[in-house]
Amino acid sequence: MFKLAVIGLDTSHSIKFTELIQGPDKKVNQLQVINCMRFPTPFQTEPDQDGRQQTLEDLGVKVTRDFNEAVEGVDGILLEINDPQFHLEYFEKIAPLGLPVFIDKPLADNLANGKTICDLAQKHNIKVWSASSLRFTPEICNCVKEIGTADFANVYGPLGKAASGSSLVWYGVHTFEMLITIMGSGAKTITAREDAGGITAIVNYDEHRRGVVECNSNAYYYGGRGQNKDDVNSFTVNFANAGELYSNLILALERFFIDGVISVALSETLEIQAMMEATEKSLTSGKTEPVKVD
């Protein structure tokens, strides 16, 4: 078995991913979570983490507050911290171990820290990737298959309210990830506005291609459309079965840890971070802002 450590217990993903790896409805056969590290963050109370710890222990996971104990005897890391302000801090501890790492969305709390994570991964020659589960949903995969190269896309999802830091980065990342999955890389500029309904960003590409990202307050559905001159595909993501929602991501994680297959390049993940940063700058300036990864 390929043994994993989960770093962080302030996200439901720490539980859900472990259940899909080794619970009764497991989706993979070669992975096993053996350790988890918990620590306080604004995103989860200690009593709630106590409950999550019990769930993990029932699945055979040792939960500790000591980093060295959490990573002892493992072959790879799932960085599952809901609060992105801690991602760089813990990645700095993880990188020297030389183990493959999956970083749950978003990559970091800002573009600069995201770049530092990428630099550390290169320095220590480790395999790293980061993604939202939304890009792996059957509905979006089908849209990409049907449309191919999209000229236009409109995607929407909930904005959410972050317990700390930027709500756009923390939860809007899902919707921006949907956009880049449909449109591909190459965003040039963003014009954004905010109102009582949330945040809307118009993303411009070369050759008059355009994407629209709607991060909506108090509206908890994901969906959108991809379009080119020949076809259009509209979709709504089905959240009825959480296990199915994450299934393709868990399978991608198995391919990563067992076969070394990286499903999403860090350059693409950095562009998502850069799009969110350009959106926040546009909201402040009231102007169109460039998407700058470098």
C-alpha atoms as a PDB file:
ATOM      1  CA  MET A   1       0.000   0.000   0.000  1.00  0.00           C
ATOM      2  CA  PHE A   2       1.088   3.580  -0.723  1.00  0.00           C
ATOM      3  CA  LYS A   3       0.877   5.247   2.693  1.00  0.00           C
ATOM      4  CA  LEU A   4      -0.371   8.817   3.035  1.00  0.00           C
ATOM      5  CA  ALA A   5      -0.418  11.537   5.653  1.00  0.00           C
ATOM      6  CA  VAL A   6      -3.207  14.102   5.750  1.00  0.00           C
ATOM      7  CA  ILE A   7      -2.027  17.499   6.977  1.00  0.00           C
ATOM      8  CA  GLY A   8      -4.985  19.456   8.319  1.00  0.00           C
ATOM      9  CA  LEU A   9      -8.336  18.602   9.866  1.00  0.00           C
ATOM     10  CA  ASP A  10     -10.232  21.869   9.374  1.00  0.00           C
ATOM     11  CA  THR A  11     -11.796  20.752   6.068  1.00  0.00           C
ATOM     12  CA  SER A  12     -14.436  18.134   5.367  1.00  0.00           C
ATOM     13  CA  HIS A  13     -12.164  16.852   2.599  1.00  0.00           C
ATOM     14  CA  SER A  14      -9.861  15.314   5.201  1.00  0.00           C
ATOM     15  CA  ILE A  15     -12.742  13.030   6.111  1.00  0.00           C
ATOM     16  CA  LYS A  16     -14.371  12.550   2.705  1.00  0.00           C
ATOM     17  CA  PHE A  17     -11.138  11.757   0.876  1.00  0.00           C
ATOM     18  CA  THR A  18     -10.099   9.253   3.557  1.00  0.00           C
ATOM     19  CA  GLU A  19     -13.515   7.585   3.358  1.00  0.00           C
ATOM     20  CA  LEU A  20     -13.150   7.247  -0.416  1.00  0.00           C
ATOM     21  CA  ILE A  21      -9.634   5.858  -0.005  1.00  0.00           C
ATOM     22  CA  GLN A  22     -10.335   3.261   2.702  1.00  0.00           C
ATOM     23  CA  GLY A  23     -13.948   3.452   3.837  1.00  0.00           C
ATOM     24  CA  PRO A  24     -16.782   1.028   2.990  1.00  0.00           C
ATOM     25  CA  ASP A  25     -17.355   2.787  -0.362  1.00  0.00           C
ATOM     26  CA  LYS A  26     -13.682   3.183  -1.255  1.00  0.00           C
ATOM     27  CA  LYS A  27     -12.821   4.065  -4.849  1.00  0.00           C
ATOM     28  CA  VAL A  28      -9.152   2.999  -4.926  1.00  0.00           C
ATOM     29  CA  ASN A  29      -7.171  -0.064  -3.864  1.00  0.00           C
ATOM     30  CA  GLN A  30      -3.546   1.021  -3.582  1.00  0.00           C
ATOM     31  CA  LEU A  31      -3.699   4.005  -1.208  1.00  0.00           C
ATOM     32  CA  GLN A  32      -4.020   4.144   2.574  1.00  0.00           C
ATOM     33  CA  VAL A  33      -4.149   7.148   4.903  1.00  0.00           C
ATOM     34  CA  ILE A  34      -2.246   6.197   8.049  1.00  0.00           C
ATOM     35  CA  ASN A  35      -1.641   9.540   9.794  1.00  0.00           C
ATOM     36  CA  CYS A  36      -3.273  12.948  10.129  1.00  0.00           C
ATOM     37  CA  MET A  37      -2.035  16.155  11.706  1.00  0.00           C
ATOM     38  CA  ARG A  38      -4.565  18.523  13.311  1.00  0.00           C
ATOM     39  CA  PHE A  39      -4.061  22.079  14.506  1.00  0.00           C
ATOM     40  CA  PRO A  40      -6.349  25.061  15.157  1.00  0.00           C
ATOM     41  CA  THR A  41      -7.491  27.376  12.351  1.00  0.00           C
ATOM     42  CA  PRO A  42     -10.341  29.884  12.122  1.00  0.00           C
ATOM     43  CA  PHE A  43     -12.209  27.483   9.836  1.00  0.00           C
ATOM     44  CA  GLN A  44     -13.106  24.791  12.367  1.00  0.00           C
ATOM     45  CA  THR A  45     -13.676  24.693  16.116  1.00  0.00           C
ATOM     46  CA  GLU A  46     -11.676  22.346  18.305  1.00  0.00           C
ATOM     47  CA  PRO A  47     -14.809  20.400  19.355  1.00  0.00           C
ATOM     48  CA  ASP A  48     -15.678  19.879  15.681  1.00  0.00           C
ATOM     49  CA  GLN A  49     -12.124  18.713  15.008  1.00  0.00           C
ATOM     50  CA  ASP A  50     -12.546  16.291  17.909  1.00  0.00           C
ATOM     51  CA  GLY A  51     -15.497  14.753  16.092  1.00  0.00           C
ATOM     52  CA  ARG A  52     -13.558  14.531  12.861  1.00  0.00           C
ATOM     53  CA  GLN A  53     -10.643  12.941  14.686  1.00  0.00           C
ATOM     54  CA  GLN A  54     -12.928  10.194  15.954  1.00  0.00           C
ATOM     55  CA  THR A  55     -14.174   9.547  12.420  1.00  0.00           C
ATOM     56  CA  LEU A  56     -10.613   9.207  11.136  1.00  0.00           C
ATOM     57  CA  GLU A  57      -9.576   6.980  14.015  1.00  0.00           C
ATOM     58  CA  ASP A  58     -12.514   4.708  13.211  1.00  0.00           C
ATOM     59  CA  LEU A  59     -11.020   4.437   9.703  1.00  0.00           C
ATOM     60  CA  GLY A  60      -7.668   3.366  11.142  1.00  0.00           C
ATOM     61  CA  VAL A  61      -5.905   6.742  10.984  1.00  0.00           C
ATOM     62  CA  LYS A  62      -3.588   7.963  13.740  1.00  0.00           C
ATOM     63  CA  VAL A  63      -4.300  11.634  14.512  1.00  0.00           C
ATOM     64  CA  THR A  64      -1.584  13.767  16.085  1.00  0.00           C
ATOM     65  CA  ARG A  65      -0.671  17.385  16.713  1.00  0.00           C
ATOM     66  CA  ASP A  66       3.013  16.712  15.971  1.00  0.00           C
ATOM     67  CA  PHE A  67       4.212  17.255  12.391  1.00  0.00           C
ATOM     68  CA  ASN A  68       7.134  14.827  12.548  1.00  0.00           C
ATOM     69  CA  GLU A  69       4.888  12.118  13.927  1.00  0.00           C
ATOM     70  CA  ALA A  70       2.319  12.752  11.191  1.00  0.00           C
ATOM     71  CA  VAL A  71       4.810  12.290   8.345  1.00  0.00           C
ATOM     72  CA  GLU A  72       6.670   9.350   9.841  1.00  0.00           C
ATOM     73  CA  GLY A  73       6.557   6.270   7.631  1.00  0.00           C
ATOM     74  CA  VAL A  74       4.514   7.783   4.792  1.00  0.00           C
ATOM     75  CA  ASP A  75       5.113   7.800   1.046  1.00  0.00           C
ATOM     76  CA  GLY A  76       3.107  10.912   0.131  1.00  0.00           C
ATOM     77  CA  ILE A  77       1.201  13.890   1.511  1.00  0.00           C
ATOM     78  CA  LEU A  78      -2.327  15.257   1.174  1.00  0.00           C
ATOM     79  CA  LEU A  79      -2.163  18.920   2.226  1.00  0.00           C
ATOM     80  CA  GLU A  80      -5.795  19.375   3.276  1.00  0.00           C
ATOM     81  CA  ILE A  81      -5.885  22.720   5.077  1.00  0.00           C
ATOM     82  CA  ASN A  82      -9.078  24.721   4.587  1.00  0.00           C
ATOM     83  CA  ASP A  83      -7.360  27.997   5.481  1.00  0.00           C
ATOM     84  CA  PRO A  84      -5.005  28.828   2.577  1.00  0.00           C
ATOM     85  CA  GLN A  85      -2.898  31.193   4.691  1.00  0.00           C
ATOM     86  CA  PHE A  86      -1.287  28.057   6.205  1.00  0.00           C
ATOM     87  CA  HIS A  87      -0.433  26.361   2.898  1.00  0.00           C
ATOM     88  CA  LEU A  88       3.012  27.889   2.431  1.00  0.00           C
ATOM     89  CA  GLU A  89       3.929  27.472   6.092  1.00  0.00           C
ATOM     90  CA  TYR A  90       3.269  23.740   6.009  1.00  0.00           C
ATOM     91  CA  PHE A  91       4.598  23.212   2.505  1.00  0.00           C
ATOM     92  CA  GLU A  92       7.911  24.645   3.722  1.00  0.00           C
ATOM     93  CA  LYS A  93       7.983  21.792   6.256  1.00  0.00           C
ATOM     94  CA  ILE A  94       6.860  19.184   3.734  1.00  0.00           C
ATOM     95  CA  ALA A  95       9.094  20.018   0.755  1.00  0.00           C
ATOM     96  CA  PRO A  96      12.428  18.876   2.291  1.00  0.00           C
ATOM     97  CA  LEU A  97      10.926  15.403   2.838  1.00  0.00           C
ATOM     98  CA  GLY A  98      11.097  14.807  -0.922  1.00  0.00           C
ATOM     99  CA  LEU A  99       7.644  13.192  -1.039  1.00  0.00           C
ATOM    100  CA  PRO A 100       4.925  13.730  -3.665  1.00  0.00           C
ATOM    101  CA  VAL A 101       2.286  16.223  -2.512  1.00  0.00           C
ATOM    102  CA  PHE A 102      -1.286  17.060  -3.438  1.00  0.00           C
ATOM    103  CA  ILE A 103      -2.384  20.528  -2.269  1.00  0.00           C
ATOM    104  CA  ASP A 104      -6.133  20.920  -1.981  1.00  0.00           C
ATOM    105  CA  LYS A 105      -7.603  24.077  -3.454  1.00  0.00           C
ATOM    106  CA  PRO A 106      -6.541  26.854  -3.528  1.00  0.00           C
ATOM    107  CA  LEU A 107      -2.802  26.522  -4.027  1.00  0.00           C
ATOM    108  CA  ALA A 108      -2.127  29.417  -1.635  1.00  0.00           C
ATOM    109  CA  ASP A 109      -3.675  32.542  -0.154  1.00  0.00           C
ATOM    110  CA  ASN A 110      -2.110  34.771  -2.831  1.00  0.00           C
ATOM    111  CA  LEU A 111      -0.074  34.598  -6.028  1.00  0.00           C
ATOM    112  CA  ALA A 112       3.274  35.429  -4.403  1.00  0.00           C
ATOM    113  CA  ASN A 113       2.960  32.557  -1.931  1.00  0.00           C
ATOM    114  CA  GLY A 114       1.783  30.273  -4.720  1.00  0.00           C
ATOM    115  CA  LYS A 115       4.951  31.070  -6.652  1.00  0.00           C
ATOM    116  CA  THR A 116       7.053  30.351  -3.576  1.00  0.00           C
ATOM    117  CA  ILE A 117       5.412  26.929  -3.259  1.00  0.00           C
ATOM    118  CA  CYS A 118       6.257  26.211  -6.911  1.00  0.00           C
ATOM    119  CA  ASP A 119       9.843  27.369  -6.390  1.00  0.00           C
ATOM    120  CA  LEU A 120      10.202  25.097  -3.361  1.00  0.00           C
ATOM    121  CA  ALA A 121       8.815  22.152  -5.318  1.00  0.00           C
ATOM    122  CA  GLN A 122      11.412  22.766  -8.033  1.00  0.00           C
ATOM    123  CA  LYS A 123      14.223  23.265  -5.527  1.00  0.00           C
ATOM    124  CA  HIS A 124      13.491  19.969  -3.792  1.00  0.00           C
ATOM    125  CA  ASN A 125      12.630  18.180  -7.060  1.00  0.00           C
ATOM    126  CA  ILE A 126       9.283  16.903  -5.839  1.00  0.00           C
ATOM    127  CA  LYS A 127       6.075  16.230  -7.689  1.00  0.00           C
ATOM    128  CA  VAL A 128       3.277  18.584  -6.670  1.00  0.00           C
ATOM    129  CA  TRP A 129      -0.123  19.541  -8.002  1.00  0.00           C
ATOM    130  CA  SER A 130      -3.230  21.288  -6.798  1.00  0.00           C
ATOM    131  CA  ALA A 131      -6.844  21.304  -7.969  1.00  0.00           C
ATOM    132  CA  SER A 132     -10.479  21.740  -7.125  1.00  0.00           C
ATOM    133  CA  SER A 133     -12.700  18.685  -7.476  1.00  0.00           C
ATOM    134  CA  LEU A 134     -14.967  20.752  -9.754  1.00  0.00           C
ATOM    135  CA  ARG A 135     -12.744  20.245 -12.799  1.00  0.00           C
ATOM    136  CA  PHE A 136     -13.179  16.471 -12.450  1.00  0.00           C
ATOM    137  CA  THR A 137     -16.974  16.405 -12.286  1.00  0.00           C
ATOM    138  CA  PRO A 138     -18.649  14.362 -15.063  1.00  0.00           C
ATOM    139  CA  GLU A 139     -20.626  17.387 -16.260  1.00  0.00           C
ATOM    140  CA  ILE A 140     -17.546  19.541 -16.901  1.00  0.00           C
ATOM    141  CA  CYS A 141     -15.577  16.635 -18.363  1.00  0.00           C
ATOM    142  CA  ASN A 142     -18.445  16.061 -20.796  1.00  0.00           C
ATOM    143  CA  CYS A 143     -18.584  19.766 -21.689  1.00  0.00           C
ATOM    144  CA  VAL A 144     -14.872  19.792 -22.555  1.00  0.00           C
ATOM    145  CA  LYS A 145     -15.250  16.588 -24.574  1.00  0.00           C
ATOM    146  CA  GLU A 146     -18.234  17.909 -26.524  1.00  0.00           C
ATOM    147  CA  ILE A 147     -16.956  21.432 -27.202  1.00  0.00           C
ATOM    148  CA  GLY A 148     -13.225  20.925 -27.593  1.00  0.00           C
ATOM    149  CA  THR A 149     -11.733  24.405 -27.959  1.00  0.00           C
ATOM    150  CA  ALA A 150     -14.213  26.881 -26.482  1.00  0.00           C
ATOM    151  CA  ASP A 151     -14.475  30.453 -27.693  1.00  0.00           C
ATOM    152  CA  PHE A 152     -16.824  31.500 -24.904  1.00  0.00           C
ATOM    153  CA  ALA A 153     -17.647  30.208 -21.459  1.00  0.00           C
ATOM    154  CA  ASN A 154     -19.873  31.318 -18.634  1.00  0.00           C
ATOM    155  CA  VAL A 155     -19.433  29.603 -15.266  1.00  0.00           C
ATOM    156  CA  TYR A 156     -21.079  30.207 -11.929  1.00  0.00           C
ATOM    157  CA  GLY A 157     -20.729  29.016  -8.355  1.00  0.00           C
ATOM    158  CA  PRO A 158     -21.123  30.150  -4.738  1.00  0.00           C
ATOM    159  CA  LEU A 159     -18.879  32.832  -3.322  1.00  0.00           C
ATOM    160  CA  GLY A 160     -18.972  31.562   0.240  1.00  0.00           C
ATOM    161  CA  LYS A 161     -17.766  33.524   3.252  1.00  0.00           C
ATOM    162  CA  ALA A 162     -14.240  32.811   4.419  1.00  0.00           C
ATOM    163  CA  ALA A 163     -13.650  32.650   8.166  1.00  0.00           C
ATOM    164  CA  SER A 164     -10.339  34.375   7.464  1.00  0.00           C
ATOM    165  CA  GLY A 165      -8.707  35.975   4.430  1.00  0.00           C
ATOM    166  CA  SER A 166     -10.168  36.397   0.941  1.00  0.00           C
ATOM    167  CA  SER A 167     -13.524  34.740   0.258  1.00  0.00           C
ATOM    168  CA  LEU A 168     -12.814  34.976  -3.484  1.00  0.00           C
ATOM    169  CA  VAL A 169      -9.555  33.039  -3.172  1.00  0.00           C
ATOM    170  CA  TRP A 170     -10.918  30.553  -0.654  1.00  0.00           C
ATOM    171  CA  TYR A 171     -14.110  29.592  -2.462  1.00  0.00           C
ATOM    172  CA  GLY A 172     -14.171  31.453  -5.765  1.00  0.00           C
ATOM    173  CA  VAL A 173     -11.263  29.222  -6.785  1.00  0.00           C
ATOM    174  CA  HIS A 174     -13.790  26.487  -7.647  1.00  0.00           C
ATOM    175  CA  THR A 175     -15.453  28.655 -10.282  1.00  0.00           C
ATOM    176  CA  PHE A 176     -12.211  29.970 -11.776  1.00  0.00           C
ATOM    177  CA  GLU A 177     -11.011  26.382 -12.015  1.00  0.00           C
ATOM    178  CA  MET A 178     -14.139  25.531 -13.976  1.00  0.00           C
ATOM    179  CA  LEU A 179     -13.361  28.371 -16.370  1.00  0.00           C
ATOM    180  CA  ILE A 180      -9.779  27.337 -17.072  1.00  0.00           C
ATOM    181  CA  THR A 181     -10.876  23.716 -17.520  1.00  0.00           C
ATOM    182  CA  ILE A 182     -13.213  24.802 -20.315  1.00  0.00           C
ATOM    183  CA  MET A 183     -11.218  27.678 -21.856  1.00  0.00           C
ATOM    184  CA  GLY A 184      -7.660  26.498 -21.226  1.00  0.00           C
ATOM    185  CA  SER A 185      -4.796  28.760 -20.224  1.00  0.00           C
ATOM    186  CA  GLY A 186      -4.069  32.159 -21.723  1.00  0.00           C
ATOM    187  CA  ALA A 187      -6.210  34.683 -19.832  1.00  0.00           C
ATOM    188  CA  LYS A 188      -5.021  38.217 -20.624  1.00  0.00           C
ATOM    189  CA  THR A 189      -7.152  40.740 -18.742  1.00  0.00           C
ATOM    190  CA  ILE A 190     -10.010  40.835 -16.235  1.00  0.00           C
ATOM    191  CA  THR A 191     -12.705  43.399 -15.582  1.00  0.00           C
ATOM    192  CA  ALA A 192     -14.600  42.759 -12.356  1.00  0.00           C
ATOM    193  CA  ARG A 193     -17.490  44.239 -10.417  1.00  0.00           C
ATOM    194  CA  GLU A 194     -19.078  43.470  -7.076  1.00  0.00           C
ATOM    195  CA  ASP A 195     -22.662  44.014  -5.977  1.00  0.00           C
ATOM    196  CA  ALA A 196     -25.052  42.609  -3.401  1.00  0.00           C
ATOM    197  CA  GLY A 197     -25.312  39.419  -5.461  1.00  0.00           C
ATOM    198  CA  GLY A 198     -21.597  38.675  -5.462  1.00  0.00           C
ATOM    199  CA  ILE A 199     -18.629  39.128  -7.801  1.00  0.00           C
ATOM    200  CA  THR A 200     -18.604  38.938 -11.605  1.00  0.00           C
ATOM    201  CA  ALA A 201     -15.377  38.800 -13.618  1.00  0.00           C
ATOM    202  CA  ILE A 202     -15.093  39.158 -17.403  1.00  0.00           C
ATOM    203  CA  VAL A 203     -11.979  37.340 -18.587  1.00  0.00           C
ATOM    204  CA  ASN A 204     -10.537  38.239 -21.990  1.00  0.00           C
ATOM    205  CA  TYR A 205      -8.296  36.039 -24.124  1.00  0.00           C
ATOM    206  CA  ASP A 206      -6.578  36.458 -27.484  1.00  0.00           C
ATOM    207  CA  GLU A 207      -8.623  36.102 -30.696  1.00  0.00           C
ATOM    208  CA  HIS A 208     -11.701  37.696 -29.090  1.00  0.00           C
ATOM    209  CA  ARG A 209     -12.346  34.722 -26.805  1.00  0.00           C
ATOM    210  CA  ARG A 210     -14.145  35.512 -23.553  1.00  0.00           C
ATOM    211  CA  GLY A 211     -15.082  33.937 -20.256  1.00  0.00           C
ATOM    212  CA  VAL A 212     -17.454  35.144 -17.563  1.00  0.00           C
ATOM    213  CA  VAL A 213     -17.073  34.015 -13.940  1.00  0.00           C
ATOM    214  CA  GLU A 214     -19.964  34.571 -11.533  1.00  0.00           C
ATOM    215  CA  CYS A 215     -19.271  34.014  -7.825  1.00  0.00           C
ATOM    216  CA  ASN A 216     -22.721  34.375  -6.329  1.00  0.00           C
ATOM    217  CA  SER A 217     -23.713  35.066  -2.739  1.00  0.00           C
ATOM    218  CA  ASN A 218     -26.341  32.801  -1.185  1.00  0.00           C
ATOM    219  CA  ALA A 219     -26.669  30.677  -4.331  1.00  0.00           C
ATOM    220  CA  TYR A 220     -25.162  27.245  -3.925  1.00  0.00           C
ATOM    221  CA  TYR A 221     -25.149  25.715  -7.385  1.00  0.00           C
ATOM    222  CA  TYR A 222     -22.303  25.235  -9.847  1.00  0.00           C
ATOM    223  CA  GLY A 223     -22.793  25.223 -13.587  1.00  0.00           C
ATOM    224  CA  GLY A 224     -22.273  27.057 -16.837  1.00  0.00           C
ATOM    225  CA  ARG A 225     -21.735  26.572 -20.526  1.00  0.00           C
ATOM    226  CA  GLY A 226     -18.970  26.194 -23.083  1.00  0.00           C
ATOM    227  CA  GLN A 227     -19.471  27.457 -26.627  1.00  0.00           C
ATOM    228  CA  ASN A 228     -17.764  27.764 -29.989  1.00  0.00           C
ATOM    229  CA  LYS A 229     -19.001  28.532 -33.491  1.00  0.00           C
ATOM    230  CA  ASP A 230     -20.182  24.956 -33.977  1.00  0.00           C
ATOM    231  CA  ASP A 231     -21.729  23.899 -30.687  1.00  0.00           C
ATOM    232  CA  VAL A 232     -22.775  24.810 -27.150  1.00  0.00           C
ATOM    233  CA  ASN A 233     -22.914  22.687 -24.022  1.00  0.00           C
ATOM    234  CA  SER A 234     -24.710  23.791 -20.860  1.00  0.00           C
ATOM    235  CA  PHE A 235     -24.414  21.937 -17.568  1.00  0.00           C
ATOM    236  CA  THR A 236     -25.313  21.963 -13.885  1.00  0.00           C
ATOM    237  CA  VAL A 237     -23.090  20.050 -11.475  1.00  0.00           C
ATOM    238  CA  ASN A 238     -24.973  17.348  -9.572  1.00  0.00           C
ATOM    239  CA  PHE A 239     -24.196  17.470  -5.860  1.00  0.00           C
ATOM    240  CA  ALA A 240     -26.678  14.761  -4.902  1.00  0.00           C
ATOM    241  CA  ASN A 241     -23.926  12.196  -4.284  1.00  0.00           C
ATOM    242  CA  ALA A 242     -20.808  13.615  -2.624  1.00  0.00           C
ATOM    243  CA  GLY A 243     -18.939  10.367  -3.170  1.00  0.00           C
ATOM    244  CA  GLU A 244     -19.455  10.579  -6.915  1.00  0.00           C
ATOM    245  CA  LEU A 245     -18.568  14.268  -6.849  1.00  0.00           C
ATOM    246  CA  TYR A 246     -15.069  13.437  -5.599  1.00  0.00           C
ATOM    247  CA  SER A 247     -14.616  10.046  -7.279  1.00  0.00           C
ATOM    248  CA  ASN A 248     -12.680  11.233 -10.313  1.00  0.00           C
ATOM    249  CA  LEU A 249     -10.372  13.337  -8.146  1.00  0.00           C
ATOM    250  CA  ILE A 250      -9.620  10.346  -5.902  1.00  0.00           C
ATOM    251  CA  LEU A 251      -8.829   8.256  -8.982  1.00  0.00           C
ATOM    252  CA  ALA A 252      -6.536  11.050 -10.207  1.00  0.00           C
ATOM    253  CA  LEU A 253      -4.796  11.014  -6.830  1.00  0.00           C
ATOM    254  CA  GLU A 254      -4.172   7.285  -7.133  1.00  0.00           C
ATOM    255  CA  ARG A 255      -2.674   7.771 -10.604  1.00  0.00           C
ATOM    256  CA  PHE A 256      -0.494  10.527  -9.173  1.00  0.00           C
ATOM    257  CA  PHE A 257       0.845   8.671  -6.162  1.00  0.00           C
ATOM    258  CA  ILE A 258       1.200   5.269  -7.822  1.00  0.00           C
ATOM    259  CA  ASP A 259       2.153   6.183 -11.405  1.00  0.00           C
ATOM    260  CA  GLY A 260       3.432   9.758 -11.041  1.00  0.00           C
ATOM    261  CA  VAL A 261       0.746  11.224 -13.322  1.00  0.00           C
ATOM    262  CA  ILE A 262       0.159  14.929 -12.610  1.00  0.00           C
ATOM    263  CA  SER A 263      -3.343  15.860 -13.747  1.00  0.00           C
ATOM    264  CA  VAL A 264      -2.951  19.652 -13.544  1.00  0.00           C
ATOM    265  CA  ALA A 265       0.283  21.514 -14.262  1.00  0.00           C
ATOM    266  CA  LEU A 266       1.389  24.025 -11.644  1.00  0.00           C
ATOM    267  CA  SER A 267       1.597  26.656 -14.401  1.00  0.00           C
ATOM    268  CA  GLU A 268      -2.152  26.293 -14.904  1.00  0.00           C
ATOM    269  CA  THR A 269      -2.812  26.463 -11.173  1.00  0.00           C
ATOM    270  CA  LEU A 270      -0.728  29.643 -10.947  1.00  0.00           C
ATOM    271  CA  GLU A 271      -2.824  31.193 -13.711  1.00  0.00           C
ATOM    272  CA  ILE A 272      -5.946  30.499 -11.648  1.00  0.00           C
ATOM    273  CA  GLN A 273      -4.275  32.262  -8.720  1.00  0.00           C
ATOM    274  CA  ALA A 274      -3.305  35.145 -11.027  1.00  0.00           C
ATOM    275  CA  MET A 275      -6.874  35.459 -12.336  1.00  0.00           C
ATOM    276  CA  MET A 276      -8.212  35.737  -8.804  1.00  0.00           C
ATOM    277  CA  GLU A 277      -5.575  38.333  -7.938  1.00  0.00           C
ATOM    278  CA  ALA A 278      -6.401  40.364 -11.066  1.00  0.00           C
ATOM    279  CA  THR A 279     -10.092  40.173 -10.122  1.00  0.00           C
ATOM    280  CA  GLU A 280      -9.400  41.588  -6.662  1.00  0.00           C
ATOM    281  CA  LYS A 281      -7.240  44.335  -8.163  1.00  0.00           C
ATOM    282  CA  SER A 282      -9.990  45.231 -10.634  1.00  0.00           C
ATOM    283  CA  LEU A 283     -12.537  45.431  -7.822  1.00  0.00           C
ATOM    284  CA  THR A 284     -10.259  47.908  -6.045  1.00  0.00           C
ATOM    285  CA  SER A 285      -9.195  49.986  -9.055  1.00  0.00           C
ATOM    286  CA  GLY A 286     -12.452  49.904 -11.002  1.00  0.00           C
ATOM    287  CA  LYS A 287     -10.357  49.217 -14.107  1.00  0.00           C
ATOM    288  CA  THR A 288      -9.447  46.325 -16.358  1.00  0.00           C
ATOM    289  CA  GLU A 289      -6.397  44.586 -14.902  1.00  0.00           C
ATOM    290  CA  PRO A 290      -3.831  42.299 -16.590  1.00  0.00           C
ATOM    291  CA  VAL A 291      -3.489  38.662 -15.596  1.00  0.00           C
ATOM    292  CA  LYS A 292       0.187  38.421 -14.640  1.00  0.00           C
ATOM    293  CA  VAL A 293       1.665  35.124 -13.558  1.00  0.00           C
ATOM    294  CA  ASP A 294       5.286  36.382 -13.698  1.00  0.00           C
END
